[in-house]
Amino acid sequence: MSTPIPRPPGVPLLGNIRDIDPSNTWWSLKGLAEKYGEIFQIKVLGKTIVFVASAALAEEICDEKRFRKYVGGPIEEIRYTVHDSLFTAYEREAESWGVAHRIIAPRLSPQATASHFDQVRDCTAELIEKWARLGANNAIAPLDDLNRLNLEVTTLTLFGKKLNCIAAPRHPMLAAMEDSTSEAMKRPTRPKLLNWLLYDGKLKSATKTMREFAAEIVKHRKENPTDRDDLLAALMTAKDPETGKSLTESQVIDEIITMPIGSSTAPCAITAMIHFLLQNPEVVVKARAELDGVIGDGPFKHEHLSQLHYIAGIARETLRLSFAAPGFNIEPIPRNNGGVADKSPVLLAGGKYQIAHDQAMIIVLAGVNRDPAVFEEPLAFRPERMMGESFEKLPSGVKKWFGNGKRECIGKHWAWDFLNVAAAMLIHGVDFEAVDKGYVMKQDGWFNVRPVGFRLKVKPRSA
């Protein structure tokens, strides 16, 4: 006999709407995962959602023979902005997804992202130089500057356009990304009529800004022809090798917008990394010893990345604890028996739990990545457990920072390089000091999870 999936008590009609803060959904889910364990459910506005928060169950529902990506809730809402892009395409849109994926993937391969190294390094150096000019009595919000860095690097490496936004006033694209994704997170918790009456304007305005930004990227390339074989060139001119189809003008805009939204998890992770390093100064000592040994006083080169094993451990441990990309949606693959739809319950954990045949589920990485069945002292920041044989022995369920299977983040190699380059350069060249010595990590988030109220003093490394 199956075990009932736990659920907070809730209230009549509204269900568990009070258990989820629509302005901080992922922090609410983190708290529920800590309370209810490996699996739990809520009901909001008549819809049931099941959440998975253990490594074993996450690994089970990442089996692509039984389960697939579910496009619903906030991801469905952001389709207003980017339609059937790689991130938001329904399963029934497999053809258009496949065309886009086959055109884009070669430009985001490890070999392609390696060619961007110098640009990532030089943009990061711009940020460090900006901080060096602030003088001794400074106090910065690192996430703000790292968001600028991310947009600069994304636009330069993938689209060949220098925005010069690191030291400039805040770029409108950053506010539009925040407005669209925050609104997409909140809309499923409200009645549709309320969204239409009061909140549609925010999403429409943000969408207009982002699509104008993407259109300007295309216009700039048309007016400034180049032989760069980058992602923008592929979006605008490449044909799918299987079907011979190209992307439409609207699809090009969709994918241009998708890239900075997808990469916006990186500055959240780097900000959290700085906090973890301040809490663990011995990690900084070890990291600097490695950096001094590998890079020394010479120029930072791409070939150094493969030698920075401890930096890679820091990056993985940051992804584990920060859960900057906080989770992803899964649903059972429809089954049939002799041509008849099989609507019998889907069994999980060898029959311990059962869910409806079409039940949407969300993997909560705040729970999965802290699973005490896998990690000793799961809240401790230990880069060593994310290195070498220790890392290889970890179950696949705790390595889902970039999603799963064919629908995992197509930019994972780009993101990994960016995270490691930024980590190496910031640790190697900058001394950080928390403005509030008693700061305790709190996070909010929409499509990514961000440290709240974290401020720093920064200066060039002194030793």
Foldseek 3Di string as FASTA:
>chain_A
DADDAAEPPADPQQWCLVLADLQFRLLSVLVVCVVRPQKHWTAGNRAIAIAGFALQQLVVQLPVVWKDFDQDQLLCQCCVQQPCALQRNDPVVVVVNLFNCLLQLVQQDLVNLQVLQVVLLVLLVVLQVVQQVPDFPDKFDQLQLVLQSLVQSLCCSALNDGPPRNPPPHDLLVVLLVQQLSCSSNVVNDPPVCCVPPPPVSNVVSSVVLLVVQVVSVVVCVVPPDPDPHNLCSLVDNARPPPRHHDDPSNSSSHSSVRSSVLSLLSQLLSQLVVLCVVPVVLLVVQLVQLCVQQNPHDDHSVSLVSRQLLLLSSLLSCLQSLQQFKGKMWTDFDADPPHTDFDWDATPVNNHTDTNGHMYIYGSSSHSQHCVFDDVSNHRDSVCCGDPNVVPGDVSSVQSQHHDPSGNSNPSSSSSSNSSSSSCCSNWKDKDWPDPPDDFDWGDGSTIHTPPTMIRMHTDDD
